[in-house]
């Protein structure tokens, strides 16, 4: 695959969003908005967890890329396998995750 997504690429994709902070969550690198997690690298270094309202559609469309481990079953989150993720779609999903976690007034400043 020519365009494999890495954590560094994820960080580049979210760097255009307002007030993104790099930090740590559960011992791994994470992206936050005003201290609230919206994306985090999982322990294997090959997957990320993000918030989404499109979980069922993602799981149905690309089960090789999107999963929901049991411990995320009650949260609006999905796990993304980076080496099978489409960079354009991932950028959109990261923006959605940011919007879900950002304060409403700040989220409203970002054009749709």
N, C-alpha and C. Protein backbone atom coordinates (compact mmCIF):
# COMPACT_ATOMS: atom_id res chain seq x y z
N UNK A 1 0.86 -1.18 0.00
CA UNK A 1 0.00 0.00 0.00
C UNK A 1 0.90 1.24 0.00
N UNK A 2 0.67 2.14 -0.90
CA UNK A 2 1.55 3.28 -1.10
C UNK A 2 1.41 4.34 -0.01
N UNK A 3 0.23 4.53 0.52
CA UNK A 3 0.00 5.64 1.44
C UNK A 3 -0.45 5.13 2.81
N UNK A 4 0.47 4.46 3.52
CA UNK A 4 0.15 3.92 4.83
C UNK A 4 0.13 5.05 5.86
N UNK A 5 -0.90 5.06 6.67
CA UNK A 5 -1.05 6.08 7.70
C UNK A 5 -0.27 5.65 8.94
N UNK A 6 0.45 6.59 9.53
CA UNK A 6 1.19 6.38 10.77
C UNK A 6 0.66 7.34 11.83
N UNK A 7 1.11 7.18 13.06
CA UNK A 7 0.71 8.12 14.11
C UNK A 7 1.18 9.53 13.76
N UNK A 8 2.38 9.64 13.21
CA UNK A 8 2.87 10.97 12.81
C UNK A 8 1.93 11.61 11.79
N UNK A 9 1.42 10.81 10.88
CA UNK A 9 0.47 11.32 9.88
C UNK A 9 -0.83 11.76 10.55
N UNK A 10 -1.30 10.97 11.51
CA UNK A 10 -2.49 11.35 12.28
C UNK A 10 -2.27 12.72 12.91
N UNK A 11 -1.12 12.90 13.53
CA UNK A 11 -0.81 14.18 14.18
C UNK A 11 -0.79 15.32 13.16
N UNK A 12 -0.26 15.06 11.98
CA UNK A 12 -0.27 16.07 10.92
C UNK A 12 -1.71 16.41 10.51
N UNK A 13 -2.55 15.38 10.37
CA UNK A 13 -3.94 15.60 9.95
C UNK A 13 -4.71 16.45 10.96
N UNK A 14 -4.47 16.25 12.24
CA UNK A 14 -5.22 17.00 13.25
C UNK A 14 -4.60 18.35 13.57
N UNK A 15 -3.38 18.59 13.09
CA UNK A 15 -2.70 19.84 13.41
C UNK A 15 -3.42 21.06 12.85
N UNK A 16 -4.29 20.88 11.86
CA UNK A 16 -5.04 21.99 11.28
C UNK A 16 -6.28 22.35 12.10
N UNK A 17 -6.63 21.53 13.07
CA UNK A 17 -7.81 21.77 13.90
C UNK A 17 -7.45 22.71 15.05
N UNK A 18 -8.38 23.57 15.44
CA UNK A 18 -8.10 24.53 16.52
C UNK A 18 -7.82 23.86 17.86
N UNK A 19 -6.82 24.40 18.55
CA UNK A 19 -6.52 24.06 19.94
C UNK A 19 -6.19 22.59 20.21
N UNK A 20 -5.66 21.90 19.22
CA UNK A 20 -5.27 20.50 19.43
C UNK A 20 -4.02 20.46 20.30
N UNK A 21 -4.04 19.59 21.28
CA UNK A 21 -2.90 19.37 22.18
C UNK A 21 -2.41 17.94 22.01
N UNK A 22 -1.11 17.77 22.00
CA UNK A 22 -0.53 16.43 22.02
C UNK A 22 -0.31 16.07 23.48
N UNK A 23 -0.62 14.84 23.85
CA UNK A 23 -0.45 14.42 25.22
C UNK A 23 -0.37 12.91 25.32
N UNK A 24 -0.68 12.43 26.50
CA UNK A 24 -0.66 11.00 26.79
C UNK A 24 -2.02 10.62 27.35
N UNK A 25 -2.51 9.46 26.96
CA UNK A 25 -3.74 8.91 27.51
C UNK A 25 -3.54 7.41 27.70
N UNK A 26 -3.75 6.94 28.89
CA UNK A 26 -3.55 5.52 29.20
C UNK A 26 -2.17 5.04 28.78
N UNK A 27 -1.19 5.92 28.91
CA UNK A 27 0.20 5.56 28.65
C UNK A 27 0.64 5.60 27.20
N UNK A 28 -0.22 6.06 26.31
CA UNK A 28 0.14 6.14 24.89
C UNK A 28 -0.11 7.55 24.37
N UNK A 29 0.54 7.91 23.24
CA UNK A 29 0.33 9.24 22.66
C UNK A 29 -1.14 9.48 22.33
N UNK A 30 -1.55 10.73 22.52
CA UNK A 30 -2.96 11.07 22.30
C UNK A 30 -3.08 12.49 21.79
N UNK A 31 -4.21 12.76 21.13
CA UNK A 31 -4.57 14.10 20.70
C UNK A 31 -5.79 14.50 21.51
N UNK A 32 -5.73 15.74 22.03
CA UNK A 32 -6.79 16.22 22.90
C UNK A 32 -7.23 17.62 22.47
N UNK A 33 -8.44 17.95 22.87
CA UNK A 33 -8.98 19.28 22.69
C UNK A 33 -9.39 19.77 24.08
N UNK A 34 -8.71 20.81 24.53
CA UNK A 34 -8.94 21.36 25.88
C UNK A 34 -8.93 20.27 26.95
N UNK A 35 -7.96 19.38 26.82
CA UNK A 35 -7.78 18.32 27.81
C UNK A 35 -8.62 17.09 27.59
N UNK A 36 -9.54 17.13 26.62
CA UNK A 36 -10.41 15.98 26.36
C UNK A 36 -9.87 15.16 25.19
N UNK A 37 -9.68 13.90 25.44
CA UNK A 37 -9.19 12.97 24.43
C UNK A 37 -10.13 12.91 23.22
N UNK A 38 -9.55 12.94 22.00
CA UNK A 38 -10.36 12.66 20.82
C UNK A 38 -9.71 11.64 19.89
N UNK A 39 -8.45 11.34 20.10
CA UNK A 39 -7.77 10.28 19.34
C UNK A 39 -6.58 9.80 20.16
N UNK A 40 -6.38 8.49 20.18
CA UNK A 40 -5.22 7.98 20.90
C UNK A 40 -4.66 6.76 20.20
N UNK A 41 -3.35 6.67 20.22
CA UNK A 41 -2.65 5.51 19.68
C UNK A 41 -2.79 4.38 20.67
N UNK A 42 -3.15 3.21 20.19
CA UNK A 42 -3.27 2.07 21.08
C UNK A 42 -1.90 1.45 21.34
N UNK A 43 -1.84 0.58 22.30
CA UNK A 43 -0.58 0.01 22.77
C UNK A 43 0.22 -0.69 21.68
N UNK A 44 -0.44 -1.25 20.68
CA UNK A 44 0.28 -1.96 19.61
C UNK A 44 0.95 -1.02 18.61
N UNK A 45 0.64 0.27 18.67
CA UNK A 45 1.23 1.25 17.77
C UNK A 45 0.72 1.17 16.34
N UNK A 46 -0.27 0.32 16.11
CA UNK A 46 -0.80 0.11 14.76
C UNK A 46 -2.25 0.52 14.60
N UNK A 47 -2.89 0.90 15.70
CA UNK A 47 -4.31 1.25 15.67
C UNK A 47 -4.53 2.49 16.53
N UNK A 48 -5.60 3.22 16.22
CA UNK A 48 -6.01 4.36 17.03
C UNK A 48 -7.46 4.19 17.44
N UNK A 49 -7.83 4.85 18.51
CA UNK A 49 -9.22 4.91 18.96
C UNK A 49 -9.70 6.34 18.79
N UNK A 50 -10.88 6.49 18.18
CA UNK A 50 -11.47 7.82 17.97
C UNK A 50 -12.97 7.77 18.27
N UNK A 51 -13.54 8.94 18.46
CA UNK A 51 -14.98 9.06 18.68
C UNK A 51 -15.67 9.22 17.32
N UNK A 52 -16.87 8.64 17.20
CA UNK A 52 -17.62 8.76 15.95
C UNK A 52 -19.11 8.54 16.18
N UNK A 53 -19.91 9.15 15.32
CA UNK A 53 -21.34 8.89 15.30
C UNK A 53 -21.69 7.92 14.17
N UNK A 54 -20.68 7.48 13.43
CA UNK A 54 -20.89 6.64 12.25
C UNK A 54 -20.39 5.21 12.46
N UNK A 55 -20.33 4.76 13.70
CA UNK A 55 -19.71 3.48 14.00
C UNK A 55 -20.28 2.31 13.20
N UNK A 56 -21.58 2.15 13.22
CA UNK A 56 -22.19 0.99 12.54
C UNK A 56 -21.91 1.01 11.04
N UNK A 57 -21.99 2.18 10.43
CA UNK A 57 -21.72 2.30 8.99
C UNK A 57 -20.26 1.95 8.69
N UNK A 58 -19.34 2.42 9.53
CA UNK A 58 -17.92 2.11 9.32
C UNK A 58 -17.65 0.62 9.46
N UNK A 59 -18.23 0.01 10.48
CA UNK A 59 -18.03 -1.43 10.70
C UNK A 59 -18.57 -2.25 9.52
N UNK A 60 -19.70 -1.83 8.99
CA UNK A 60 -20.30 -2.55 7.87
C UNK A 60 -19.50 -2.35 6.58
N UNK A 61 -19.00 -1.15 6.37
CA UNK A 61 -18.31 -0.82 5.12
C UNK A 61 -16.89 -1.37 5.05
N UNK A 62 -16.19 -1.39 6.18
CA UNK A 62 -14.78 -1.79 6.14
C UNK A 62 -14.37 -2.49 7.44
N UNK A 63 -14.84 -3.72 7.64
CA UNK A 63 -14.53 -4.43 8.89
C UNK A 63 -13.04 -4.74 9.06
N UNK A 64 -12.28 -4.69 7.99
CA UNK A 64 -10.83 -4.90 8.09
C UNK A 64 -10.13 -3.68 8.65
N UNK A 65 -10.78 -2.53 8.62
CA UNK A 65 -10.20 -1.27 9.09
C UNK A 65 -10.79 -0.82 10.41
N UNK A 66 -12.07 -1.07 10.64
CA UNK A 66 -12.76 -0.56 11.83
C UNK A 66 -13.26 -1.69 12.70
N UNK A 67 -13.00 -1.58 14.00
CA UNK A 67 -13.48 -2.56 14.97
C UNK A 67 -13.94 -1.85 16.23
N UNK A 68 -14.67 -2.58 17.06
CA UNK A 68 -15.08 -2.07 18.36
C UNK A 68 -14.79 -3.15 19.40
N UNK A 69 -13.67 -3.03 20.11
CA UNK A 69 -13.40 -3.98 21.18
C UNK A 69 -14.48 -3.88 22.27
N UNK A 70 -14.64 -4.93 23.02
CA UNK A 70 -15.69 -4.98 24.05
C UNK A 70 -15.62 -3.80 25.02
N UNK A 71 -14.42 -3.35 25.37
CA UNK A 71 -14.34 -2.27 26.35
C UNK A 71 -14.76 -0.91 25.78
N UNK A 72 -14.98 -0.80 24.47
CA UNK A 72 -15.51 0.42 23.87
C UNK A 72 -16.99 0.27 23.49
N UNK A 73 -17.59 -0.85 23.83
CA UNK A 73 -18.97 -1.13 23.40
C UNK A 73 -19.96 -0.07 23.85
N UNK A 74 -19.75 0.51 25.02
CA UNK A 74 -20.70 1.49 25.55
C UNK A 74 -20.27 2.93 25.33
N UNK A 75 -19.29 3.13 24.48
CA UNK A 75 -18.79 4.46 24.15
C UNK A 75 -18.93 4.68 22.65
N UNK A 76 -19.12 5.93 22.21
CA UNK A 76 -19.24 6.19 20.76
C UNK A 76 -17.85 6.22 20.11
N UNK A 77 -17.14 5.09 20.23
CA UNK A 77 -15.77 5.03 19.72
C UNK A 77 -15.61 3.86 18.77
N UNK A 78 -14.58 4.00 17.92
CA UNK A 78 -14.21 2.94 17.00
C UNK A 78 -12.68 2.88 16.99
N UNK A 79 -12.16 1.68 16.75
CA UNK A 79 -10.73 1.49 16.60
C UNK A 79 -10.43 1.41 15.12
N UNK A 80 -9.39 2.14 14.69
CA UNK A 80 -9.01 2.22 13.28
C UNK A 80 -7.65 1.56 13.10
N UNK A 81 -7.58 0.59 12.19
CA UNK A 81 -6.31 -0.03 11.82
C UNK A 81 -5.62 0.92 10.84
N UNK A 82 -4.49 1.48 11.27
CA UNK A 82 -3.86 2.54 10.47
C UNK A 82 -3.39 2.07 9.10
N UNK A 83 -2.83 0.87 8.98
CA UNK A 83 -2.27 0.49 7.68
C UNK A 83 -3.32 0.13 6.63
N UNK A 84 -4.59 0.06 7.03
CA UNK A 84 -5.65 -0.15 6.03
C UNK A 84 -6.57 1.07 5.91
N UNK A 85 -6.31 2.11 6.68
CA UNK A 85 -7.16 3.30 6.67
C UNK A 85 -6.90 4.16 5.44
N UNK A 86 -7.95 4.69 4.89
CA UNK A 86 -7.85 5.65 3.80
C UNK A 86 -7.54 7.02 4.42
N UNK A 87 -6.45 7.67 4.01
CA UNK A 87 -6.06 8.94 4.64
C UNK A 87 -7.12 10.03 4.55
N UNK A 88 -7.83 10.11 3.44
CA UNK A 88 -8.86 11.15 3.28
C UNK A 88 -10.03 10.88 4.22
N UNK A 89 -10.49 9.64 4.24
CA UNK A 89 -11.59 9.28 5.15
C UNK A 89 -11.16 9.45 6.60
N UNK A 90 -9.94 9.06 6.93
CA UNK A 90 -9.45 9.20 8.29
C UNK A 90 -9.40 10.67 8.71
N UNK A 91 -8.99 11.53 7.82
CA UNK A 91 -8.96 12.96 8.12
C UNK A 91 -10.36 13.46 8.49
N UNK A 92 -11.37 13.02 7.74
CA UNK A 92 -12.75 13.40 8.02
C UNK A 92 -13.21 12.84 9.36
N UNK A 93 -12.83 11.61 9.66
CA UNK A 93 -13.21 10.99 10.92
C UNK A 93 -12.52 11.65 12.11
N UNK A 94 -11.27 12.04 11.94
CA UNK A 94 -10.56 12.74 13.01
C UNK A 94 -11.21 14.10 13.28
N UNK A 95 -11.64 14.77 12.23
CA UNK A 95 -12.34 16.05 12.40
C UNK A 95 -13.66 15.82 13.12
N UNK A 96 -14.38 14.76 12.77
CA UNK A 96 -15.62 14.43 13.46
C UNK A 96 -15.35 14.15 14.93
N UNK A 97 -14.31 13.39 15.22
CA UNK A 97 -13.97 13.07 16.60
C UNK A 97 -13.66 14.35 17.38
N UNK A 98 -12.91 15.25 16.75
CA UNK A 98 -12.61 16.54 17.38
C UNK A 98 -13.90 17.30 17.67
N UNK A 99 -14.83 17.34 16.70
CA UNK A 99 -16.10 18.06 16.88
C UNK A 99 -16.91 17.48 18.03
N UNK A 100 -16.92 16.16 18.16
CA UNK A 100 -17.67 15.49 19.22
C UNK A 100 -17.15 15.91 20.59
N UNK A 101 -15.86 16.06 20.71
CA UNK A 101 -15.23 16.34 22.00
C UNK A 101 -14.99 17.82 22.29
N UNK A 102 -14.99 18.64 21.27
CA UNK A 102 -14.74 20.08 21.46
C UNK A 102 -15.95 20.77 22.09
N UNK A 103 -15.72 21.84 22.85
CA UNK A 103 -16.85 22.63 23.32
C UNK A 103 -17.69 23.13 22.12
N UNK A 104 -18.98 23.23 22.31
CA UNK A 104 -19.89 23.56 21.19
C UNK A 104 -19.50 24.86 20.48
N UNK A 105 -19.17 25.87 21.24
CA UNK A 105 -18.81 27.16 20.60
C UNK A 105 -17.54 27.03 19.77
N UNK A 106 -16.57 26.30 20.26
CA UNK A 106 -15.35 26.11 19.50
C UNK A 106 -15.62 25.25 18.26
N UNK A 107 -16.38 24.19 18.41
CA UNK A 107 -16.72 23.33 17.28
C UNK A 107 -17.44 24.11 16.19
N UNK A 108 -18.27 25.07 16.59
CA UNK A 108 -19.03 25.87 15.62
C UNK A 108 -18.14 26.78 14.80
N UNK A 109 -16.89 27.04 15.25
CA UNK A 109 -16.00 27.90 14.49
C UNK A 109 -15.36 27.20 13.31
N UNK A 110 -15.45 25.89 13.28
CA UNK A 110 -14.83 25.11 12.20
C UNK A 110 -15.86 24.89 11.10
N UNK A 111 -15.58 25.35 9.88
CA UNK A 111 -16.54 25.15 8.79
C UNK A 111 -16.80 23.67 8.53
N UNK A 112 -17.99 23.36 8.13
CA UNK A 112 -18.33 21.95 7.82
C UNK A 112 -17.97 21.62 6.40
